Protein backbone atom coordinates (compact mmCIF):
# COMPACT_ATOMS: atom_id res chain seq x y z
CA MET A 1 -2.98 21.01 -62.13
CA GLN A 2 -4.25 17.95 -61.25
CA TYR A 3 -4.24 16.44 -57.75
CA LYS A 4 -4.37 12.48 -56.56
CA ILE A 5 -6.99 12.18 -53.93
CA GLU A 6 -6.05 8.89 -52.13
CA LYS A 7 -8.47 7.48 -49.69
CA GLY A 8 -7.48 5.49 -45.82
CA ILE A 9 -4.95 7.79 -45.56
CA PRO A 10 -5.45 7.65 -41.40
CA ILE A 11 -5.17 11.22 -40.07
CA PRO A 12 -2.15 11.18 -37.46
CA THR A 13 -3.05 12.23 -33.62
CA ARG A 14 -1.98 15.24 -32.37
CA GLY A 15 -0.80 15.53 -28.49
CA LYS A 16 0.28 13.13 -26.18
CA TRP A 17 -3.15 13.21 -24.19
CA ASN A 18 -4.32 12.24 -27.36
CA GLN A 19 -2.00 9.40 -27.74
CA LEU A 20 -2.48 7.37 -24.23
CA ALA A 21 -6.34 8.32 -24.69
CA GLU A 22 -5.52 5.65 -27.83
CA LYS A 23 -2.89 3.47 -26.04
CA MET A 24 -5.73 2.73 -23.11
CA GLU A 25 -7.88 -0.13 -23.56
CA ASP A 26 -11.83 0.03 -21.47
CA GLY A 27 -11.10 -0.08 -17.36
CA ASP A 28 -7.63 1.14 -18.02
CA SER A 29 -6.60 3.41 -15.44
CA VAL A 30 -3.62 6.21 -14.95
CA LEU A 31 -2.80 8.46 -12.09
CA LEU A 32 -1.97 12.79 -12.73
CA SER A 33 -2.55 15.73 -11.32
CA LEU A 34 -5.16 17.71 -12.12
CA GLN A 35 -4.17 19.92 -14.63
CA ASP A 36 -3.22 16.54 -16.88
CA SER A 37 -6.68 14.80 -15.93
CA ILE A 38 -8.42 17.59 -17.04
CA ASN A 39 -5.61 17.71 -20.67
CA LEU A 40 -6.73 14.18 -20.89
CA LYS A 41 -10.29 14.28 -20.74
CA LYS A 42 -9.99 16.53 -23.16
CA ALA A 43 -8.63 14.01 -25.44
CA PHE A 44 -11.16 11.70 -24.41
CA ARG A 45 -14.09 14.21 -25.62
CA ASN A 46 -11.95 15.50 -29.08
CA ILE A 47 -11.48 11.44 -29.44
CA TYR A 48 -14.44 9.45 -28.58
CA ALA A 49 -17.16 12.20 -28.82
CA ARG A 50 -18.41 11.43 -31.94
CA GLU A 51 -17.99 7.12 -32.63
CA GLY A 52 -19.76 7.11 -28.52
CA LYS A 53 -17.68 4.22 -28.19
CA PHE A 54 -16.24 5.41 -25.08
CA SER A 55 -15.64 7.30 -22.31
CA CYS A 56 -14.00 8.47 -18.76
CA VAL A 57 -14.87 8.59 -15.64
CA ALA A 58 -12.05 10.69 -13.15
CA ARG A 59 -12.10 10.27 -9.58
CA GLN A 60 -9.90 12.28 -7.16
CA GLU A 61 -7.07 9.66 -5.14
CA SER A 62 -5.71 12.34 -3.25
CA PRO A 63 -5.55 16.09 -2.64
CA HIS A 64 -3.38 16.50 -5.81
CA SER A 65 -4.26 13.13 -7.96
CA PHE A 66 -6.60 12.15 -9.65
CA ARG A 67 -7.41 8.86 -11.77
CA VAL A 68 -8.49 8.46 -14.73
CA TRP A 69 -10.21 5.41 -16.24
CA LYS A 70 -10.91 4.28 -20.07
CA ARG A 71 -14.21 2.97 -20.05
CA LYS A 72 -16.62 1.10 -22.67
CA VAL A 73 -19.82 3.18 -23.60
CA ASN A 74 -22.85 1.02 -23.19
CA LYS A 75 -25.83 2.29 -26.01
CA SER A 76 -27.80 0.04 -24.49
CA LYS A 77 -29.13 0.88 -21.18
CA LYS A 78 -32.88 0.66 -20.57
CA LYS A 79 -34.77 4.40 -20.21
CA VAL A 80 -36.54 5.15 -16.64
CA SER A 81 -40.34 5.87 -17.32
């Protein structure tokens, strides 16, 4: 059997949290429940961990809601000696 090797075909994203993370731009935020904020943070880790381009920051806004921001990773940080 012969197979055709194809290049440049993007891997489809899975799940609503990955889709949300990819749609967000630098500085965008979303208000979520605790469990949903955990799911979105996992999606950021899954998508951007290898690239190192983006990360997320989460802060509690009320007893039942958390805000999650997408932020660009600053790789030019100087190390303090």
